[in-house]
Amino acid sequence: MLISVVIPLYNEHESLPELTRWIDDVMQKNGFNYEVVYVDDGSTDGSWKVIEGLKGQYPQVRALRFRRNYGKSAGLNRGFDAAKGDIVITMDADLQDSPDEIPELVRMITEDGFDLVSGWKKKRYDPITKTIPTKLYNWAARKMSGIYLHDFNCGLKAYKQDVVKSIEVYGEMHRYIPILAKWAGFTKIGEKVVQHQERKFGVTKFGLERFINGPLDLLVITFMSRFGKRPMHFFGVYGVLMFVLGGAVSAWLIVQKVLAITNGLKVREVTEQPLFYLAILAMIIGTQLFMAGFLAEMISRSSHDRNNYQIAETID
């Protein structure tokens, strides 16, 4: 059995020698056959030269380097493509994830039968400006996905090979890999309390934009998981409801006026009533939603992967 440790990194040259040595110690102690796949996300601090030096000391080290910084999701996606292991471990390069957790993560995959095991940093050493948004994101992700993990964004995770080969991580979706896995049909998702180390070198690479990108990505992945192959079921339903509602209100205003005239009562012109314009607005929005669904359905049906379904096993 081969274990792949996939580590995306950006400007972490100080921590790489210690991290590699730590991983090697754990693997040798437990008799694991392993490889370390470093993905240099366009570092500018000499991280690549450090990796080249580590390759001479540790033949298990493999690496690839981006020409520029693309983000953690891109690093994980290419790392998953490159990984050859039967079990894939991911961790951050900043020494805040402990390689000592690897043996138990491997055991949970091989013996307990989990498809994916996510770490839970129950005790964190991050500032409050990071922990509070993280708690909110995790709460929202649990409610919207139905996956009851405490820490979706923990970098320390273990996967069966089938999982990493079946998902595509893009944008900022690294925060929601368990949701991507569930969407791909891997429902045996577990959690393990892991040790969180204080940052020893450098500074965090994530800025204030994560407060905006996180919720937006959660909405995208939730929509795609439910309506990615049938967008008309979302846009069409709400479009028809809005159009019918607006049409019904308009018809009611016209009938009300006709009845008033028939009975000789004084009534305002239909076009003088604010409710009429709200009804027209509802009909316009309904039409736009329906057309958006129709166009999305046409794009979806012309996509090359429209019939790309995950197959678990076959019998010939």
Protein backbone atom coordinates (compact mmCIF):
# COMPACT_ATOMS: atom_id res chain seq x y z
CA MET A 1 0.00 0.00 0.00
CA LEU A 2 1.35 3.40 -1.01
CA ILE A 3 0.48 6.57 0.91
CA SER A 4 0.65 9.91 -0.90
CA VAL A 5 1.06 13.07 1.16
CA VAL A 6 -0.06 16.04 -0.96
CA ILE A 7 1.16 19.42 0.30
CA PRO A 8 0.34 22.67 -1.53
CA LEU A 9 2.61 25.54 -0.49
CA TYR A 10 3.32 29.18 -1.08
CA ASN A 11 6.42 30.84 0.38
CA GLU A 12 7.09 28.27 3.11
CA HIS A 13 10.84 27.65 2.57
CA GLU A 14 11.64 27.79 6.30
CA SER A 15 9.24 25.02 7.30
CA LEU A 16 9.86 22.54 4.47
CA PRO A 17 13.00 20.79 5.83
CA GLU A 18 11.46 20.20 9.25
CA LEU A 19 8.13 19.09 7.77
CA THR A 20 9.77 16.60 5.39
CA ARG A 21 11.94 15.17 8.16
CA TRP A 22 8.89 14.86 10.45
CA ILE A 23 6.85 13.05 7.79
CA ASP A 24 9.74 10.68 7.05
CA ASP A 25 10.17 9.86 10.76
CA VAL A 26 6.48 8.99 11.11
CA MET A 27 6.42 6.89 7.94
CA GLN A 28 9.60 4.98 8.81
CA LYS A 29 8.41 4.32 12.36
CA ASN A 30 5.15 2.81 11.09
CA GLY A 31 6.68 0.97 8.14
CA PHE A 32 4.63 2.87 5.54
CA ASN A 33 5.54 3.02 1.86
CA TYR A 34 5.01 6.65 0.95
CA GLU A 35 5.58 9.61 -1.33
CA VAL A 36 5.42 13.34 -0.63
CA VAL A 37 3.95 15.45 -3.44
CA TYR A 38 4.80 19.13 -3.00
CA VAL A 39 2.89 21.61 -5.17
CA ASP A 40 4.72 24.95 -5.23
CA ASP A 41 2.05 27.57 -5.94
CA GLY A 42 4.38 30.11 -7.55
CA SER A 43 6.54 30.78 -4.47
CA THR A 44 8.96 33.72 -4.61
CA ASP A 45 11.03 32.97 -1.50
CA GLY A 46 13.20 30.12 -2.74
CA SER A 47 10.87 27.29 -1.70
CA TRP A 48 11.54 25.45 -4.98
CA LYS A 49 15.30 25.38 -4.35
CA VAL A 50 14.63 23.95 -0.90
CA ILE A 51 12.47 21.22 -2.44
CA GLU A 52 15.20 20.43 -4.97
CA GLY A 53 17.61 19.98 -2.08
CA LEU A 54 15.17 17.79 -0.17
CA LYS A 55 14.79 15.53 -3.21
CA GLY A 56 18.47 14.62 -2.85
CA GLN A 57 17.93 13.61 0.78
CA TYR A 58 14.52 12.00 0.44
CA PRO A 59 13.88 10.08 -2.80
CA GLN A 60 10.20 9.85 -1.84
CA VAL A 61 9.80 13.57 -2.57
CA ARG A 62 8.06 14.55 -5.80
CA ALA A 63 7.10 18.08 -6.75
CA LEU A 64 5.57 20.34 -9.34
CA ARG A 65 5.75 24.09 -9.61
CA PHE A 66 3.24 26.62 -10.96
CA ARG A 67 4.53 29.56 -13.01
CA ARG A 68 2.47 31.90 -10.83
CA ASN A 69 0.26 31.82 -7.77
CA TYR A 70 -3.10 30.17 -8.52
CA GLY A 71 -4.37 29.39 -5.02
CA LYS A 72 -4.72 26.40 -2.74
CA SER A 73 -7.54 24.76 -4.69
CA ALA A 74 -5.44 24.64 -7.86
CA GLY A 75 -2.55 23.17 -5.88
CA LEU A 76 -4.70 20.44 -4.40
CA ASN A 77 -6.30 19.61 -7.74
CA ARG A 78 -2.96 19.12 -9.48
CA GLY A 79 -1.59 17.31 -6.45
CA PHE A 80 -4.51 14.89 -6.58
CA ASP A 81 -3.81 14.28 -10.27
CA ALA A 82 -0.16 13.54 -9.51
CA ALA A 83 -0.73 11.35 -6.44
CA LYS A 84 -0.15 7.62 -6.97
CA GLY A 85 -1.07 6.41 -3.49
CA ASP A 86 -3.89 4.09 -2.47
CA ILE A 87 -4.50 6.56 0.36
CA VAL A 88 -3.97 10.29 -0.03
CA ILE A 89 -3.21 12.57 2.91
CA THR A 90 -3.38 16.35 2.57
CA MET A 91 -1.81 18.83 4.95
CA ASP A 92 -0.57 22.41 4.99
CA ALA A 93 3.12 23.23 4.71
CA ASP A 94 3.25 25.67 7.63
CA LEU A 95 3.80 23.00 10.36
CA GLN A 96 0.38 23.71 11.89
CA ASP A 97 -0.74 20.21 10.85
CA SER A 98 0.97 17.36 12.69
CA PRO A 99 2.23 14.36 10.66
CA ASP A 100 1.84 12.31 13.85
CA GLU A 101 -1.87 12.13 12.99
CA ILE A 102 -1.19 10.17 9.78
CA PRO A 103 -1.18 6.60 11.22
CA GLU A 104 -4.63 7.00 12.79
CA LEU A 105 -6.03 8.65 9.67
CA VAL A 106 -4.74 5.73 7.60
CA ARG A 107 -6.28 3.25 10.06
CA MET A 108 -9.69 4.96 9.81
CA ILE A 109 -9.57 4.63 6.01
CA THR A 110 -8.28 1.04 5.87
CA GLU A 111 -10.04 -0.51 8.89
CA ASP A 112 -13.10 1.64 9.60
CA GLY A 113 -13.98 1.90 5.92
CA PHE A 114 -14.29 5.68 5.58
CA ASP A 115 -14.01 7.24 2.14
CA LEU A 116 -12.77 10.49 3.62
CA VAL A 117 -11.64 11.51 7.10
CA SER A 118 -11.50 15.22 7.91
CA GLY A 119 -9.43 16.67 10.73
CA TRP A 120 -11.05 18.77 13.44
CA LYS A 121 -8.84 21.36 15.09
CA LYS A 122 -10.85 21.41 18.29
CA LYS A 123 -8.30 23.61 20.04
CA ARG A 124 -7.01 26.29 17.69
CA TYR A 125 -4.15 28.77 17.95
CA ASP A 126 -5.54 31.19 15.39
CA PRO A 127 -6.60 34.79 16.15
CA ILE A 128 -10.27 35.48 16.90
CA THR A 129 -10.60 37.28 13.53
CA LYS A 130 -10.11 33.87 11.89
CA THR A 131 -11.87 31.54 14.35
CA ILE A 132 -15.23 33.37 14.44
CA PRO A 133 -15.73 33.44 10.61
CA THR A 134 -14.60 29.81 10.51
CA LYS A 135 -17.30 28.81 13.01
CA LEU A 136 -19.93 30.63 10.96
CA TYR A 137 -18.80 28.98 7.72
CA ASN A 138 -18.81 25.54 9.31
CA TRP A 139 -22.31 26.08 10.72
CA ALA A 140 -23.63 27.21 7.33
CA ALA A 141 -21.88 24.34 5.53
CA ARG A 142 -23.41 21.78 7.92
CA LYS A 143 -26.89 23.18 7.43
CA MET A 144 -26.68 23.39 3.64
CA SER A 145 -24.83 20.13 2.96
CA GLY A 146 -26.17 17.78 5.63
CA ILE A 147 -22.57 16.75 6.46
CA TYR A 148 -22.06 17.19 10.18
CA LEU A 149 -18.37 18.05 10.41
CA HIS A 150 -16.99 20.58 12.85
CA ASP A 151 -14.15 21.81 10.63
CA PHE A 152 -14.68 21.65 6.86
CA ASN A 153 -11.60 23.76 6.12
CA CYS A 154 -9.04 21.74 8.08
CA GLY A 155 -6.12 21.06 5.74
CA LEU A 156 -5.35 17.70 7.34
CA LYS A 157 -7.52 15.08 5.63
CA ALA A 158 -7.26 11.48 4.43
CA TYR A 159 -8.91 10.07 1.31
CA LYS A 160 -9.27 6.85 -0.58
CA GLN A 161 -7.68 7.15 -3.99
CA ASP A 162 -11.08 6.91 -5.71
CA VAL A 163 -12.22 10.08 -3.95
CA VAL A 164 -9.41 12.35 -5.12
CA LYS A 165 -9.59 10.96 -8.65
CA SER A 166 -13.34 11.62 -8.83
CA ILE A 167 -13.54 15.26 -7.72
CA GLU A 168 -12.37 18.53 -9.24
CA VAL A 169 -11.22 21.25 -6.85
CA TYR A 170 -11.33 24.75 -8.34
CA GLY A 171 -11.81 28.38 -7.33
CA GLU A 172 -11.81 28.39 -3.53
CA MET A 173 -13.54 25.01 -3.23
CA HIS A 174 -10.78 23.51 -1.06
CA ARG A 175 -12.88 24.67 1.90
CA TYR A 176 -15.69 22.33 0.90
CA ILE A 177 -13.98 19.16 -0.35
CA PRO A 178 -16.23 16.94 1.85
CA ILE A 179 -19.25 18.39 0.03
CA LEU A 180 -17.63 17.71 -3.35
CA ALA A 181 -16.95 14.14 -2.23
CA LYS A 182 -20.55 13.63 -1.11
CA TRP A 183 -21.76 15.07 -4.43
CA ALA A 184 -19.56 12.50 -6.21
CA GLY A 185 -21.22 9.68 -4.25
CA PHE A 186 -18.76 9.15 -1.38
CA THR A 187 -20.94 9.30 1.70
CA LYS A 188 -18.77 7.57 4.33
CA ILE A 189 -17.23 10.74 5.71
CA GLY A 190 -15.62 10.69 9.14
CA GLU A 191 -13.92 13.14 11.45
CA LYS A 192 -10.94 13.00 13.78
CA VAL A 193 -9.80 15.49 16.41
CA VAL A 194 -6.29 16.57 15.43
CA GLN A 195 -3.62 18.63 17.09
CA HIS A 196 -3.25 22.21 15.88
CA GLN A 197 0.26 23.63 16.07
CA GLU A 198 1.09 27.30 16.45
CA ARG A 199 2.62 28.80 13.31
CA LYS A 200 6.39 28.60 13.63
CA PHE A 201 7.53 30.47 10.51
CA GLY A 202 6.09 33.14 8.25
CA VAL A 203 2.57 34.51 8.16
CA THR A 204 -0.83 33.30 6.92
CA LYS A 205 -1.41 33.61 3.17
CA PHE A 206 -5.17 34.14 3.41
CA GLY A 207 -6.51 37.70 3.62
CA LEU A 208 -9.85 39.40 4.17
CA GLU A 209 -11.18 38.17 0.82
CA ARG A 210 -11.84 34.75 2.38
CA PHE A 211 -14.76 36.33 4.30
CA ILE A 212 -16.47 36.98 0.95
CA ASN A 213 -15.21 34.04 -1.11
CA GLY A 214 -16.19 31.42 1.47
CA PRO A 215 -19.97 32.07 1.55
CA LEU A 216 -20.12 32.63 -2.22
CA ASP A 217 -18.37 29.34 -2.93
CA LEU A 218 -20.72 27.55 -0.53
CA LEU A 219 -23.73 28.91 -2.45
CA VAL A 220 -22.17 27.86 -5.76
CA ILE A 221 -21.37 24.32 -4.66
CA THR A 222 -24.80 23.89 -3.05
CA PHE A 223 -26.54 25.03 -6.23
CA MET A 224 -24.31 22.92 -8.47
CA SER A 225 -24.81 19.81 -6.36
CA ARG A 226 -28.59 20.11 -6.57
CA PHE A 227 -29.23 21.70 -9.95
CA GLY A 228 -25.96 21.42 -11.90
CA LYS A 229 -27.44 19.01 -14.46
CA ARG A 230 -31.00 20.38 -14.35
CA PRO A 231 -30.89 24.19 -13.95
CA MET A 232 -34.40 24.56 -15.41
CA HIS A 233 -35.78 22.89 -12.29
CA PHE A 234 -34.57 25.88 -10.28
CA PHE A 235 -34.92 28.88 -12.58
CA GLY A 236 -37.98 27.55 -14.36
CA VAL A 237 -39.97 26.82 -11.21
CA TYR A 238 -39.37 30.23 -9.64
CA GLY A 239 -39.79 31.96 -13.01
CA VAL A 240 -43.20 30.39 -13.58
CA LEU A 241 -44.30 31.16 -10.01
CA MET A 242 -43.31 34.83 -10.35
CA PHE A 243 -45.01 35.14 -13.75
CA VAL A 244 -48.22 33.46 -12.54
CA LEU A 245 -48.26 35.62 -9.41
CA GLY A 246 -47.83 38.82 -11.42
CA GLY A 247 -50.41 37.73 -13.98
CA ALA A 248 -52.95 36.82 -11.29
CA VAL A 249 -52.57 40.20 -9.56
CA SER A 250 -52.95 42.03 -12.89
CA ALA A 251 -56.06 40.02 -13.76
CA TRP A 252 -57.53 40.67 -10.31
CA LEU A 253 -57.05 44.44 -10.71
CA ILE A 254 -58.73 44.37 -14.13
CA VAL A 255 -61.66 42.25 -12.88
CA GLN A 256 -62.03 44.57 -9.88
CA LYS A 257 -62.30 47.57 -12.21
CA VAL A 258 -64.80 45.86 -14.51
CA LEU A 259 -67.02 44.93 -11.54
CA ALA A 260 -66.84 48.46 -10.18
CA ILE A 261 -67.85 49.98 -13.54
CA THR A 262 -70.67 47.43 -13.90
CA ASN A 263 -72.05 48.46 -10.49
CA GLY A 264 -71.60 52.16 -11.11
CA LEU A 265 -68.87 52.55 -8.49
CA LYS A 266 -65.96 54.90 -8.70
CA VAL A 267 -62.60 53.18 -9.05
CA ARG A 268 -59.03 54.27 -9.76
CA GLU A 269 -57.43 53.52 -13.08
CA VAL A 270 -55.49 50.27 -13.04
CA THR A 271 -52.34 52.06 -14.18
CA GLU A 272 -52.58 54.46 -11.22
CA GLN A 273 -52.26 51.67 -8.67
CA PRO A 274 -48.74 50.77 -7.37
CA LEU A 275 -49.80 47.12 -7.12
CA PHE A 276 -50.15 47.01 -10.92
CA TYR A 277 -46.50 47.96 -11.42
CA LEU A 278 -45.40 45.40 -8.83
CA ALA A 279 -47.37 42.78 -10.76
CA ILE A 280 -45.70 43.84 -14.03
CA LEU A 281 -42.29 43.67 -12.30
CA ALA A 282 -43.05 40.15 -11.06
CA MET A 283 -43.99 39.06 -14.59
CA ILE A 284 -40.77 40.55 -16.03
CA ILE A 285 -38.63 38.87 -13.38
CA GLY A 286 -40.48 35.61 -13.94
CA THR A 287 -39.81 35.79 -17.67
CA GLN A 288 -36.11 36.52 -17.06
CA LEU A 289 -35.76 33.63 -14.64
CA PHE A 290 -37.46 31.26 -17.07
CA MET A 291 -35.19 32.38 -19.92
CA ALA A 292 -32.12 32.04 -17.67
CA GLY A 293 -33.16 28.47 -16.91
CA PHE A 294 -33.82 27.74 -20.57
CA LEU A 295 -30.39 29.05 -21.62
CA ALA A 296 -28.66 27.25 -18.74
CA GLU A 297 -30.40 24.03 -19.76
CA MET A 298 -29.19 24.43 -23.35
CA ILE A 299 -25.62 25.04 -22.15
CA SER A 300 -25.81 22.08 -19.78
CA ARG A 301 -27.10 19.74 -22.50
CA SER A 302 -24.31 20.78 -24.87
CA SER A 303 -21.60 20.24 -22.25
CA HIS A 304 -19.11 17.45 -23.02
CA ASP A 305 -19.51 15.97 -19.52
CA ARG A 306 -23.32 16.08 -19.34
CA ASN A 307 -23.40 12.26 -19.06
CA ASN A 308 -20.29 11.95 -16.91
CA TYR A 309 -21.60 9.90 -14.00
CA GLN A 310 -19.48 8.31 -11.27
CA ILE A 311 -19.46 4.50 -11.57
CA ALA A 312 -18.48 2.60 -8.43
CA GLU A 313 -18.25 -0.96 -9.81
CA THR A 314 -19.14 -2.96 -12.88
CA ILE A 315 -19.78 -6.63 -13.60
CA ASP A 316 -19.23 -7.85 -17.17
